[in-house]
Amino acid sequence: MYEDQFKALGEQTRLKIIKLLSSKDLCVCELEEIMQFSQPRISQHLKVLKQVGLVKERKDGQRRVCSLDTTLLNSTMEEFIDYIAKPLKEIPELNEEYERLLNLDGESCSRKLKE
């Protein structure tokens, strides 16, 4: 479900973390240093990213090293592209919106502007 991943990425700090991890695996203390954030703040953002599967974490001695799950990220992007490419009429959860789209007469906005 790409919705959860996009929701997690809807926050600028988490996007920055993802971009940093796309360059190299980093431990939490390195992320703290790079981003100039406290450990609890970094950990909270990592928790969200781990919950949706975008970030993996492994122990390396006392350090927790984080990495980007590129397999899931690629899969999410592919699924989203497929969703966008799929004809609207073939998406059951959008049946009502599709029907309203078909019934638009092009005058809806003009009427609202006059009101």
C-alpha atoms as a PDB file:
ATOM      1  CA  MET A   1       0.000   0.000   0.000  1.00  0.00           C
ATOM      2  CA  TYR A   2       1.777   3.069  -1.212  1.00  0.00           C
ATOM      3  CA  GLU A   3      -0.531   5.403   0.733  1.00  0.00           C
ATOM      4  CA  ASP A   4       1.326   4.708   3.987  1.00  0.00           C
ATOM      5  CA  GLN A   5       4.704   5.313   2.398  1.00  0.00           C
ATOM      6  CA  PHE A   6       3.570   8.610   0.872  1.00  0.00           C
ATOM      7  CA  LYS A   7       2.079   9.678   4.174  1.00  0.00           C
ATOM      8  CA  ALA A   8       5.398   8.973   5.895  1.00  0.00           C
ATOM      9  CA  LEU A   9       7.226  10.921   3.196  1.00  0.00           C
ATOM     10  CA  GLY A  10       4.870  13.866   3.578  1.00  0.00           C
ATOM     11  CA  GLU A  11       7.190  15.434   6.138  1.00  0.00           C
ATOM     12  CA  GLN A  12      10.320  17.343   5.115  1.00  0.00           C
ATOM     13  CA  THR A  13      12.623  15.891   7.777  1.00  0.00           C
ATOM     14  CA  ARG A  14      11.778  12.332   6.753  1.00  0.00           C
ATOM     15  CA  LEU A  15      12.400  13.212   3.105  1.00  0.00           C
ATOM     16  CA  LYS A  16      15.829  14.522   4.084  1.00  0.00           C
ATOM     17  CA  ILE A  17      16.580  11.326   5.996  1.00  0.00           C
ATOM     18  CA  ILE A  18      15.549   9.235   2.976  1.00  0.00           C
ATOM     19  CA  LYS A  19      17.792  11.299   0.713  1.00  0.00           C
ATOM     20  CA  LEU A  20      20.739  10.970   3.100  1.00  0.00           C
ATOM     21  CA  LEU A  21      20.228   7.211   3.349  1.00  0.00           C
ATOM     22  CA  SER A  22      20.098   6.981  -0.441  1.00  0.00           C
ATOM     23  CA  SER A  23      23.737   8.151  -0.398  1.00  0.00           C
ATOM     24  CA  LYS A  24      24.992   5.731   2.253  1.00  0.00           C
ATOM     25  CA  ASP A  25      23.957   3.744   5.306  1.00  0.00           C
ATOM     26  CA  LEU A  26      24.172   5.913   8.414  1.00  0.00           C
ATOM     27  CA  CYS A  27      23.963   5.273  12.117  1.00  0.00           C
ATOM     28  CA  VAL A  28      21.566   7.287  14.249  1.00  0.00           C
ATOM     29  CA  CYS A  29      24.400   9.347  15.764  1.00  0.00           C
ATOM     30  CA  GLU A  30      25.614  10.289  12.271  1.00  0.00           C
ATOM     31  CA  LEU A  31      22.109  11.407  11.323  1.00  0.00           C
ATOM     32  CA  GLU A  32      22.014  13.495  14.515  1.00  0.00           C
ATOM     33  CA  GLU A  33      25.290  15.169  13.591  1.00  0.00           C
ATOM     34  CA  ILE A  34      24.379  15.789   9.963  1.00  0.00           C
ATOM     35  CA  MET A  35      20.881  17.094  10.656  1.00  0.00           C
ATOM     36  CA  GLN A  36      21.680  18.843  13.936  1.00  0.00           C
ATOM     37  CA  PHE A  37      18.678  17.226  15.644  1.00  0.00           C
ATOM     38  CA  SER A  38      18.417  15.453  18.972  1.00  0.00           C
ATOM     39  CA  GLN A  39      18.534  11.660  19.160  1.00  0.00           C
ATOM     40  CA  PRO A  40      14.863  11.400  20.223  1.00  0.00           C
ATOM     41  CA  ARG A  41      13.757  13.534  17.274  1.00  0.00           C
ATOM     42  CA  ILE A  42      15.789  11.500  14.760  1.00  0.00           C
ATOM     43  CA  SER A  43      14.566   8.250  16.334  1.00  0.00           C
ATOM     44  CA  GLN A  44      10.924   9.344  16.075  1.00  0.00           C
ATOM     45  CA  HIS A  45      11.282  10.068  12.360  1.00  0.00           C
ATOM     46  CA  LEU A  46      13.139   6.800  11.800  1.00  0.00           C
ATOM     47  CA  LYS A  47      10.398   4.938  13.650  1.00  0.00           C
ATOM     48  CA  VAL A  48       7.800   6.225  11.184  1.00  0.00           C
ATOM     49  CA  LEU A  49       9.984   5.320   8.203  1.00  0.00           C
ATOM     50  CA  LYS A  50      10.671   1.844   9.619  1.00  0.00           C
ATOM     51  CA  GLN A  51       6.975   1.224  10.319  1.00  0.00           C
ATOM     52  CA  VAL A  52       6.148   1.684   6.638  1.00  0.00           C
ATOM     53  CA  GLY A  53       9.168  -0.363   5.597  1.00  0.00           C
ATOM     54  CA  LEU A  54      11.184   2.346   3.849  1.00  0.00           C
ATOM     55  CA  VAL A  55      14.092   2.156   6.289  1.00  0.00           C
ATOM     56  CA  LYS A  56      15.807  -0.913   7.707  1.00  0.00           C
ATOM     57  CA  GLU A  57      17.931  -0.917  10.836  1.00  0.00           C
ATOM     58  CA  ARG A  58      20.680  -3.269  11.934  1.00  0.00           C
ATOM     59  CA  LYS A  59      22.884  -3.432  15.000  1.00  0.00           C
ATOM     60  CA  ASP A  60      26.598  -2.911  14.544  1.00  0.00           C
ATOM     61  CA  GLY A  61      28.066  -3.243  18.013  1.00  0.00           C
ATOM     62  CA  GLN A  62      26.527  -0.415  20.028  1.00  0.00           C
ATOM     63  CA  ARG A  63      25.425   1.466  16.913  1.00  0.00           C
ATOM     64  CA  ARG A  64      22.135   1.220  15.078  1.00  0.00           C
ATOM     65  CA  VAL A  65      22.838   1.541  11.363  1.00  0.00           C
ATOM     66  CA  CYS A  66      19.997   2.597   9.084  1.00  0.00           C
ATOM     67  CA  SER A  67      19.631   1.889   5.401  1.00  0.00           C
ATOM     68  CA  LEU A  68      17.092   2.649   2.739  1.00  0.00           C
ATOM     69  CA  ASP A  69      14.973  -0.264   1.547  1.00  0.00           C
ATOM     70  CA  THR A  70      15.331   0.501  -2.142  1.00  0.00           C
ATOM     71  CA  THR A  71      13.399  -2.633  -3.113  1.00  0.00           C
ATOM     72  CA  LEU A  72      10.287  -1.426  -1.299  1.00  0.00           C
ATOM     73  CA  LEU A  73      10.777   2.154  -2.472  1.00  0.00           C
ATOM     74  CA  ASN A  74      11.032   1.035  -6.113  1.00  0.00           C
ATOM     75  CA  SER A  75       8.002  -1.211  -5.693  1.00  0.00           C
ATOM     76  CA  THR A  76       6.013   1.646  -4.160  1.00  0.00           C
ATOM     77  CA  MET A  77       6.897   3.967  -7.020  1.00  0.00           C
ATOM     78  CA  GLU A  78       6.018   1.341  -9.628  1.00  0.00           C
ATOM     79  CA  GLU A  79       2.685   0.656  -7.918  1.00  0.00           C
ATOM     80  CA  PHE A  80       1.909   4.372  -7.836  1.00  0.00           C
ATOM     81  CA  ILE A  81       2.801   4.827 -11.512  1.00  0.00           C
ATOM     82  CA  ASP A  82       0.522   1.876 -12.361  1.00  0.00           C
ATOM     83  CA  TYR A  83      -2.259   3.473 -10.307  1.00  0.00           C
ATOM     84  CA  ILE A  84      -1.907   6.789 -12.154  1.00  0.00           C
ATOM     85  CA  ALA A  85      -1.843   5.039 -15.537  1.00  0.00           C
ATOM     86  CA  LYS A  86      -4.905   2.876 -14.805  1.00  0.00           C
ATOM     87  CA  PRO A  87      -8.118   4.208 -16.342  1.00  0.00           C
ATOM     88  CA  LEU A  88     -10.295   5.915 -13.748  1.00  0.00           C
ATOM     89  CA  LYS A  89     -13.317   3.776 -14.605  1.00  0.00           C
ATOM     90  CA  GLU A  90     -11.358   0.650 -13.583  1.00  0.00           C
ATOM     91  CA  ILE A  91     -10.791   1.786  -9.988  1.00  0.00           C
ATOM     92  CA  PRO A  92     -13.818   0.638  -7.937  1.00  0.00           C
ATOM     93  CA  GLU A  93     -13.178   2.975  -4.991  1.00  0.00           C
ATOM     94  CA  LEU A  94     -13.453   5.938  -7.382  1.00  0.00           C
ATOM     95  CA  ASN A  95     -16.733   4.915  -9.050  1.00  0.00           C
ATOM     96  CA  GLU A  96     -18.704   7.826  -7.589  1.00  0.00           C
ATOM     97  CA  GLU A  97     -16.073  10.376  -8.553  1.00  0.00           C
ATOM     98  CA  TYR A  98     -15.855   8.875 -12.037  1.00  0.00           C
ATOM     99  CA  GLU A  99     -19.616   9.227 -12.514  1.00  0.00           C
ATOM    100  CA  ARG A 100     -19.529  12.859 -11.367  1.00  0.00           C
ATOM    101  CA  LEU A 101     -16.606  13.507 -13.713  1.00  0.00           C
ATOM    102  CA  LEU A 102     -18.610  12.129 -16.628  1.00  0.00           C
ATOM    103  CA  ASN A 103     -21.519  14.410 -15.710  1.00  0.00           C
ATOM    104  CA  LEU A 104     -19.511  17.625 -15.543  1.00  0.00           C
ATOM    105  CA  ASP A 105     -20.977  20.158 -17.912  1.00  0.00           C
ATOM    106  CA  GLY A 106     -18.100  22.620 -17.925  1.00  0.00           C
ATOM    107  CA  GLU A 107     -20.242  25.284 -16.293  1.00  0.00           C
ATOM    108  CA  SER A 108     -19.772  24.244 -12.652  1.00  0.00           C
ATOM    109  CA  CYS A 109     -16.917  26.659 -11.960  1.00  0.00           C
ATOM    110  CA  SER A 110     -18.606  29.534 -13.779  1.00  0.00           C
ATOM    111  CA  ARG A 111     -21.752  29.123 -11.678  1.00  0.00           C
ATOM    112  CA  LYS A 112     -19.762  28.984  -8.443  1.00  0.00           C
ATOM    113  CA  LEU A 113     -17.841  32.127  -9.345  1.00  0.00           C
ATOM    114  CA  LYS A 114     -21.103  34.016  -9.890  1.00  0.00           C
ATOM    115  CA  GLU A 115     -22.498  32.942  -6.504  1.00  0.00           C
END
